[in-house]
């Protein structure tokens, strides 16, 4: 079984370098938007059958890694 970081690809030749699920052109942000709008992982997989549950979890993991080290400046 692959780890979450093996499921996410950042390549300037794919979707202008946006993080996507490996082997697809499905960006991480799309999965996160669908989850935040109330879609379940199962509904997302039904709509995008090339995805697996582990891909949805990898998108969440990726977002947690990016935001964990983000610096926020206070105004």
PDB file of N, CA and C in Angstrom:
ATOM      1  N   UNK A   1       0.843  -1.187   0.000  1.00  0.00           N
ATOM      2  CA  UNK A   1       0.000   0.000   0.000  1.00  0.00           C
ATOM      3  C   UNK A   1       0.886   1.247   0.000  1.00  0.00           C
ATOM      4  N   UNK A   2       0.545   2.202  -0.832  1.00  0.00           N
ATOM      5  CA  UNK A   2       1.353   3.413  -0.922  1.00  0.00           C
ATOM      6  C   UNK A   2       1.022   4.365   0.218  1.00  0.00           C
ATOM      7  N   UNK A   3       1.990   5.212   0.540  1.00  0.00           N
ATOM      8  CA  UNK A   3       1.784   6.216   1.575  1.00  0.00           C
ATOM      9  C   UNK A   3       1.119   7.436   0.951  1.00  0.00           C
ATOM     10  N   UNK A   4       0.528   8.303   1.770  1.00  0.00           N
ATOM     11  CA  UNK A   4      -0.169   9.476   1.214  1.00  0.00           C
ATOM     12  C   UNK A   4       0.705  10.318   0.297  1.00  0.00           C
ATOM     13  N   UNK A   5       1.973  10.512   0.661  1.00  0.00           N
ATOM     14  CA  UNK A   5       2.813  11.369  -0.162  1.00  0.00           C
ATOM     15  C   UNK A   5       3.155  10.737  -1.504  1.00  0.00           C
ATOM     16  N   UNK A   6       2.992   9.431  -1.658  1.00  0.00           N
ATOM     17  CA  UNK A   6       3.206   8.775  -2.949  1.00  0.00           C
ATOM     18  C   UNK A   6       1.997   8.923  -3.859  1.00  0.00           C
ATOM     19  N   UNK A   7       0.878   9.332  -3.338  1.00  0.00           N
ATOM     20  CA  UNK A   7      -0.353   9.475  -4.121  1.00  0.00           C
ATOM     21  C   UNK A   7      -0.519  10.882  -4.689  1.00  0.00           C
ATOM     22  N   UNK A   8       0.252  11.834  -4.191  1.00  0.00           N
ATOM     23  CA  UNK A   8       0.145  13.221  -4.633  1.00  0.00           C
ATOM     24  C   UNK A   8       1.356  13.559  -5.507  1.00  0.00           C
ATOM     25  N   UNK A   9       1.076  14.204  -6.637  1.00  0.00           N
ATOM     26  CA  UNK A   9       2.139  14.586  -7.562  1.00  0.00           C
ATOM     27  C   UNK A   9       2.066  16.093  -7.806  1.00  0.00           C
ATOM     28  N   UNK A  10       3.236  16.728  -7.799  1.00  0.00           N
ATOM     29  CA  UNK A  10       3.341  18.133  -8.176  1.00  0.00           C
ATOM     30  C   UNK A  10       4.316  18.177  -9.349  1.00  0.00           C
ATOM     31  N   UNK A  11       3.791  18.469 -10.523  1.00  0.00           N
ATOM     32  CA  UNK A  11       4.583  18.467 -11.757  1.00  0.00           C
ATOM     33  C   UNK A  11       4.170  19.687 -12.571  1.00  0.00           C
ATOM     34  N   UNK A  12       5.116  20.547 -12.934  1.00  0.00           N
ATOM     35  CA  UNK A  12       4.756  21.758 -13.679  1.00  0.00           C
ATOM     36  C   UNK A  12       4.085  21.462 -15.024  1.00  0.00           C
ATOM     37  N   UNK A  13       4.226  20.248 -15.528  1.00  0.00           N
ATOM     38  CA  UNK A  13       3.606  19.870 -16.797  1.00  0.00           C
ATOM     39  C   UNK A  13       2.189  19.319 -16.637  1.00  0.00           C
ATOM     40  N   UNK A  14       1.740  19.178 -15.403  1.00  0.00           N
ATOM     41  CA  UNK A  14       0.389  18.663 -15.134  1.00  0.00           C
ATOM     42  C   UNK A  14      -0.369  19.716 -14.341  1.00  0.00           C
ATOM     43  N   UNK A  15      -1.460  20.209 -14.892  1.00  0.00           N
ATOM     44  CA  UNK A  15      -2.327  21.193 -14.223  1.00  0.00           C
ATOM     45  C   UNK A  15      -1.536  22.390 -13.691  1.00  0.00           C
ATOM     46  N   UNK A  16      -0.560  22.832 -14.475  1.00  0.00           N
ATOM     47  CA  UNK A  16       0.258  24.001 -14.127  1.00  0.00           C
ATOM     48  C   UNK A  16       0.959  23.865 -12.774  1.00  0.00           C
ATOM     49  N   UNK A  17       1.282  22.634 -12.391  1.00  0.00           N
ATOM     50  CA  UNK A  17       2.011  22.409 -11.152  1.00  0.00           C
ATOM     51  C   UNK A  17       1.161  22.298  -9.912  1.00  0.00           C
ATOM     52  N   UNK A  18      -0.151  22.330 -10.076  1.00  0.00           N
ATOM     53  CA  UNK A  18      -1.020  22.148  -8.907  1.00  0.00           C
ATOM     54  C   UNK A  18      -0.903  20.696  -8.432  1.00  0.00           C
ATOM     55  N   UNK A  19      -0.977  20.445  -7.140  1.00  0.00           N
ATOM     56  CA  UNK A  19      -0.926  19.066  -6.653  1.00  0.00           C
ATOM     57  C   UNK A  19      -2.137  18.285  -7.147  1.00  0.00           C
ATOM     58  N   UNK A  20      -1.882  17.105  -7.705  1.00  0.00           N
ATOM     59  CA  UNK A  20      -2.943  16.234  -8.225  1.00  0.00           C
ATOM     60  C   UNK A  20      -2.750  14.826  -7.687  1.00  0.00           C
ATOM     61  N   UNK A  21      -3.792  14.026  -7.839  1.00  0.00           N
ATOM     62  CA  UNK A  21      -3.699  12.614  -7.495  1.00  0.00           C
ATOM     63  C   UNK A  21      -2.912  11.919  -8.606  1.00  0.00           C
ATOM     64  N   UNK A  22      -1.907  11.142  -8.234  1.00  0.00           N
ATOM     65  CA  UNK A  22      -1.035  10.461  -9.197  1.00  0.00           C
ATOM     66  C   UNK A  22      -1.867   9.698 -10.230  1.00  0.00           C
ATOM     67  N   UNK A  23      -1.473   9.857 -11.486  1.00  0.00           N
ATOM     68  CA  UNK A  23      -2.125   9.148 -12.575  1.00  0.00           C
ATOM     69  C   UNK A  23      -3.420   9.776 -13.043  1.00  0.00           C
ATOM     70  N   UNK A  24      -3.763  10.941 -12.483  1.00  0.00           N
ATOM     71  CA  UNK A  24      -4.996  11.634 -12.871  1.00  0.00           C
ATOM     72  C   UNK A  24      -4.680  13.112 -13.078  1.00  0.00           C
ATOM     73  N   UNK A  25      -5.675  13.835 -13.503  1.00  0.00           N
ATOM     74  CA  UNK A  25      -5.584  15.300 -13.547  1.00  0.00           C
ATOM     75  C   UNK A  25      -6.564  15.883 -12.516  1.00  0.00           C
ATOM     76  N   UNK A  26      -6.830  15.124 -11.486  1.00  0.00           N
ATOM     77  CA  UNK A  26      -7.750  15.558 -10.432  1.00  0.00           C
ATOM     78  C   UNK A  26      -6.943  16.284  -9.355  1.00  0.00           C
ATOM     79  N   UNK A  27      -7.146  17.603  -9.231  1.00  0.00           N
ATOM     80  CA  UNK A  27      -6.357  18.352  -8.251  1.00  0.00           C
ATOM     81  C   UNK A  27      -6.825  18.123  -6.817  1.00  0.00           C
ATOM     82  N   UNK A  28      -5.871  18.226  -5.930  1.00  0.00           N
ATOM     83  CA  UNK A  28      -6.153  18.074  -4.502  1.00  0.00           C
ATOM     84  C   UNK A  28      -7.216  19.075  -4.066  1.00  0.00           C
ATOM     85  N   UNK A  29      -7.123  20.319  -4.562  1.00  0.00           N
ATOM     86  CA  UNK A  29      -8.087  21.332  -4.115  1.00  0.00           C
ATOM     87  C   UNK A  29      -9.515  20.939  -4.454  1.00  0.00           C
ATOM     88  N   UNK A  30      -9.736  20.244  -5.566  1.00  0.00           N
ATOM     89  CA  UNK A  30     -11.091  19.827  -5.929  1.00  0.00           C
ATOM     90  C   UNK A  30     -11.647  18.856  -4.900  1.00  0.00           C
ATOM     91  N   UNK A  31     -10.839  17.903  -4.499  1.00  0.00           N
ATOM     92  CA  UNK A  31     -11.280  16.930  -3.488  1.00  0.00           C
ATOM     93  C   UNK A  31     -11.599  17.647  -2.183  1.00  0.00           C
ATOM     94  N   UNK A  32     -10.753  18.589  -1.793  1.00  0.00           N
ATOM     95  CA  UNK A  32     -10.984  19.328  -0.547  1.00  0.00           C
ATOM     96  C   UNK A  32     -12.250  20.173  -0.632  1.00  0.00           C
ATOM     97  N   UNK A  33     -12.478  20.818  -1.783  1.00  0.00           N
ATOM     98  CA  UNK A  33     -13.706  21.608  -1.960  1.00  0.00           C
ATOM     99  C   UNK A  33     -14.946  20.727  -1.872  1.00  0.00           C
ATOM    100  N   UNK A  34     -14.882  19.560  -2.493  1.00  0.00           N
ATOM    101  CA  UNK A  34     -16.031  18.650  -2.446  1.00  0.00           C
ATOM    102  C   UNK A  34     -16.296  18.181  -1.016  1.00  0.00           C
ATOM    103  N   UNK A  35     -15.241  17.841  -0.295  1.00  0.00           N
ATOM    104  CA  UNK A  35     -15.413  17.436   1.104  1.00  0.00           C
ATOM    105  C   UNK A  35     -15.990  18.572   1.939  1.00  0.00           C
ATOM    106  N   UNK A  36     -15.485  19.783   1.719  1.00  0.00           N
ATOM    107  CA  UNK A  36     -15.961  20.916   2.524  1.00  0.00           C
ATOM    108  C   UNK A  36     -17.397  21.294   2.198  1.00  0.00           C
ATOM    109  N   UNK A  37     -17.860  20.919   1.010  1.00  0.00           N
ATOM    110  CA  UNK A  37     -19.253  21.208   0.651  1.00  0.00           C
ATOM    111  C   UNK A  37     -20.204  20.124   1.149  1.00  0.00           C
ATOM    112  N   UNK A  38     -19.653  19.110   1.818  1.00  0.00           N
ATOM    113  CA  UNK A  38     -20.504  18.091   2.414  1.00  0.00           C
ATOM    114  C   UNK A  38     -20.501  16.751   1.706  1.00  0.00           C
ATOM    115  N   UNK A  39     -19.775  16.635   0.611  1.00  0.00           N
ATOM    116  CA  UNK A  39     -19.695  15.342  -0.082  1.00  0.00           C
ATOM    117  C   UNK A  39     -18.898  14.361   0.768  1.00  0.00           C
ATOM    118  N   UNK A  40     -19.306  13.119   0.751  1.00  0.00           N
ATOM    119  CA  UNK A  40     -18.547  12.075   1.439  1.00  0.00           C
ATOM    120  C   UNK A  40     -17.483  11.539   0.489  1.00  0.00           C
ATOM    121  N   UNK A  41     -16.518  10.822   1.048  1.00  0.00           N
ATOM    122  CA  UNK A  41     -15.489  10.196   0.218  1.00  0.00           C
ATOM    123  C   UNK A  41     -16.138   9.256  -0.794  1.00  0.00           C
ATOM    124  N   UNK A  42     -17.148   8.549  -0.370  1.00  0.00           N
ATOM    125  CA  UNK A  42     -17.835   7.610  -1.257  1.00  0.00           C
ATOM    126  C   UNK A  42     -18.504   8.327  -2.423  1.00  0.00           C
ATOM    127  N   UNK A  43     -19.104   9.482  -2.160  1.00  0.00           N
ATOM    128  CA  UNK A  43     -19.745  10.254  -3.236  1.00  0.00           C
ATOM    129  C   UNK A  43     -18.697  10.762  -4.233  1.00  0.00           C
ATOM    130  N   UNK A  44     -17.563  11.186  -3.719  1.00  0.00           N
ATOM    131  CA  UNK A  44     -16.492  11.668  -4.601  1.00  0.00           C
ATOM    132  C   UNK A  44     -15.992  10.526  -5.481  1.00  0.00           C
ATOM    133  N   UNK A  45     -15.805   9.365  -4.890  1.00  0.00           N
ATOM    134  CA  UNK A  45     -15.334   8.203  -5.643  1.00  0.00           C
ATOM    135  C   UNK A  45     -16.380   7.768  -6.667  1.00  0.00           C
ATOM    136  N   UNK A  46     -17.645   7.881  -6.330  1.00  0.00           N
ATOM    137  CA  UNK A  46     -18.699   7.568  -7.306  1.00  0.00           C
ATOM    138  C   UNK A  46     -18.620   8.510  -8.508  1.00  0.00           C
ATOM    139  N   UNK A  47     -18.344   9.793  -8.249  1.00  0.00           N
ATOM    140  CA  UNK A  47     -18.258  10.781  -9.323  1.00  0.00           C
ATOM    141  C   UNK A  47     -16.940  10.697 -10.093  1.00  0.00           C
ATOM    142  N   UNK A  48     -15.897  10.248  -9.434  1.00  0.00           N
ATOM    143  CA  UNK A  48     -14.563  10.124 -10.038  1.00  0.00           C
ATOM    144  C   UNK A  48     -14.054   8.704  -9.781  1.00  0.00           C
ATOM    145  N   UNK A  49     -14.533   7.736 -10.558  1.00  0.00           N
ATOM    146  CA  UNK A  49     -14.228   6.323 -10.273  1.00  0.00           C
ATOM    147  C   UNK A  49     -12.746   5.954 -10.352  1.00  0.00           C
ATOM    148  N   UNK A  50     -11.922   6.821 -10.936  1.00  0.00           N
ATOM    149  CA  UNK A  50     -10.488   6.533 -10.963  1.00  0.00           C
ATOM    150  C   UNK A  50      -9.836   6.760  -9.598  1.00  0.00           C
ATOM    151  N   UNK A  51     -10.566   7.379  -8.684  1.00  0.00           N
ATOM    152  CA  UNK A  51     -10.060   7.616  -7.331  1.00  0.00           C
ATOM    153  C   UNK A  51     -10.360   6.434  -6.426  1.00  0.00           C
ATOM    154  N   UNK A  52      -9.528   6.306  -5.416  1.00  0.00           N
ATOM    155  CA  UNK A  52      -9.748   5.342  -4.340  1.00  0.00           C
ATOM    156  C   UNK A  52      -9.860   6.119  -3.030  1.00  0.00           C
ATOM    157  N   UNK A  53     -10.376   5.454  -2.020  1.00  0.00           N
ATOM    158  CA  UNK A  53     -10.522   6.100  -0.709  1.00  0.00           C
ATOM    159  C   UNK A  53      -9.172   6.656  -0.225  1.00  0.00           C
ATOM    160  N   UNK A  54      -8.103   5.916  -0.472  1.00  0.00           N
ATOM    161  CA  UNK A  54      -6.776   6.352  -0.050  1.00  0.00           C
ATOM    162  C   UNK A  54      -6.362   7.660  -0.727  1.00  0.00           C
ATOM    163  N   UNK A  55      -6.872   7.907  -1.944  1.00  0.00           N
ATOM    164  CA  UNK A  55      -6.571   9.172  -2.627  1.00  0.00           C
ATOM    165  C   UNK A  55      -7.242  10.341  -1.913  1.00  0.00           C
ATOM    166  N   UNK A  56      -8.465  10.144  -1.477  1.00  0.00           N
ATOM    167  CA  UNK A  56      -9.178  11.197  -0.747  1.00  0.00           C
ATOM    168  C   UNK A  56      -8.459  11.481   0.570  1.00  0.00           C
ATOM    169  N   UNK A  57      -8.058  10.429   1.251  1.00  0.00           N
ATOM    170  CA  UNK A  57      -7.319  10.611   2.504  1.00  0.00           C
ATOM    171  C   UNK A  57      -5.968  11.279   2.252  1.00  0.00           C
ATOM    172  N   UNK A  58      -5.324  10.961   1.143  1.00  0.00           N
ATOM    173  CA  UNK A  58      -4.048  11.588   0.804  1.00  0.00           C
ATOM    174  C   UNK A  58      -4.222  13.081   0.559  1.00  0.00           C
ATOM    175  N   UNK A  59      -5.340  13.477  -0.043  1.00  0.00           N
ATOM    176  CA  UNK A  59      -5.610  14.897  -0.269  1.00  0.00           C
ATOM    177  C   UNK A  59      -5.734  15.631   1.067  1.00  0.00           C
ATOM    178  N   UNK A  60      -6.406  15.023   2.013  1.00  0.00           N
ATOM    179  CA  UNK A  60      -6.538  15.624   3.348  1.00  0.00           C
ATOM    180  C   UNK A  60      -5.171  15.698   4.022  1.00  0.00           C
ATOM    181  N   UNK A  61      -4.409  14.637   3.918  1.00  0.00           N
ATOM    182  CA  UNK A  61      -3.060  14.605   4.494  1.00  0.00           C
ATOM    183  C   UNK A  61      -2.211  15.720   3.893  1.00  0.00           C
ATOM    184  N   UNK A  62      -2.266  15.871   2.555  1.00  0.00           N
ATOM    185  CA  UNK A  62      -1.470  16.885   1.878  1.00  0.00           C
ATOM    186  C   UNK A  62      -1.825  18.286   2.404  1.00  0.00           C
ATOM    187  N   UNK A  63      -3.109  18.559   2.512  1.00  0.00           N
ATOM    188  CA  UNK A  63      -3.548  19.861   3.024  1.00  0.00           C
ATOM    189  C   UNK A  63      -3.042  20.086   4.450  1.00  0.00           C
ATOM    190  N   UNK A  64      -3.039  19.047   5.256  1.00  0.00           N
ATOM    191  CA  UNK A  64      -2.556  19.204   6.637  1.00  0.00           C
ATOM    192  C   UNK A  64      -1.066  19.519   6.654  1.00  0.00           C
ATOM    193  N   UNK A  65      -0.302  18.906   5.749  1.00  0.00           N
ATOM    194  CA  UNK A  65       1.126  19.159   5.687  1.00  0.00           C
ATOM    195  C   UNK A  65       1.419  20.580   5.215  1.00  0.00           C
ATOM    196  N   UNK A  66       0.695  21.037   4.213  1.00  0.00           N
ATOM    197  CA  UNK A  66       0.911  22.379   3.686  1.00  0.00           C
ATOM    198  C   UNK A  66       0.566  23.428   4.734  1.00  0.00           C
ATOM    199  N   UNK A  67      -0.557  23.254   5.414  1.00  0.00           N
ATOM    200  CA  UNK A  67      -0.985  24.271   6.383  1.00  0.00           C
ATOM    201  C   UNK A  67      -0.233  24.186   7.695  1.00  0.00           C
ATOM    202  N   UNK A  68       0.352  23.046   7.987  1.00  0.00           N
ATOM    203  CA  UNK A  68       1.093  22.906   9.231  1.00  0.00           C
ATOM    204  C   UNK A  68       2.273  23.877   9.296  1.00  0.00           C
ATOM    205  N   UNK A  69       2.905  24.130   8.176  1.00  0.00           N
ATOM    206  CA  UNK A  69       4.099  24.966   8.160  1.00  0.00           C
ATOM    207  C   UNK A  69       3.859  26.345   7.552  1.00  0.00           C
ATOM    208  N   UNK A  70       2.607  26.647   7.275  1.00  0.00           N
ATOM    209  CA  UNK A  70       2.269  27.955   6.724  1.00  0.00           C
ATOM    210  C   UNK A  70       2.412  29.009   7.809  1.00  0.00           C
ATOM    211  N   UNK A  71       3.054  30.108   7.450  1.00  0.00           N
ATOM    212  CA  UNK A  71       3.191  31.215   8.397  1.00  0.00           C
ATOM    213  C   UNK A  71       2.117  32.247   8.085  1.00  0.00           C
ATOM    214  N   UNK A  72       1.444  32.690   9.120  1.00  0.00           N
ATOM    215  CA  UNK A  72       0.377  33.674   8.971  1.00  0.00           C
ATOM    216  C   UNK A  72       0.840  34.965   9.604  1.00  0.00           C
ATOM    217  N   UNK A  73       0.841  36.022   8.805  1.00  0.00           N
ATOM    218  CA  UNK A  73       1.220  37.323   9.349  1.00  0.00           C
ATOM    219  C   UNK A  73       0.017  38.033   9.931  1.00  0.00           C
ATOM    220  N   UNK A  74       0.179  38.568  11.097  1.00  0.00           N
ATOM    221  CA  UNK A  74      -0.913  39.300  11.736  1.00  0.00           C
ATOM    222  C   UNK A  74      -0.856  40.757  11.304  1.00  0.00           C
ATOM    223  N   UNK A  75      -2.018  41.313  11.023  1.00  0.00           N
ATOM    224  CA  UNK A  75      -2.093  42.699  10.569  1.00  0.00           C
ATOM    225  C   UNK A  75      -2.292  43.618  11.744  1.00  0.00           C
TER     226      UNK A  75
END
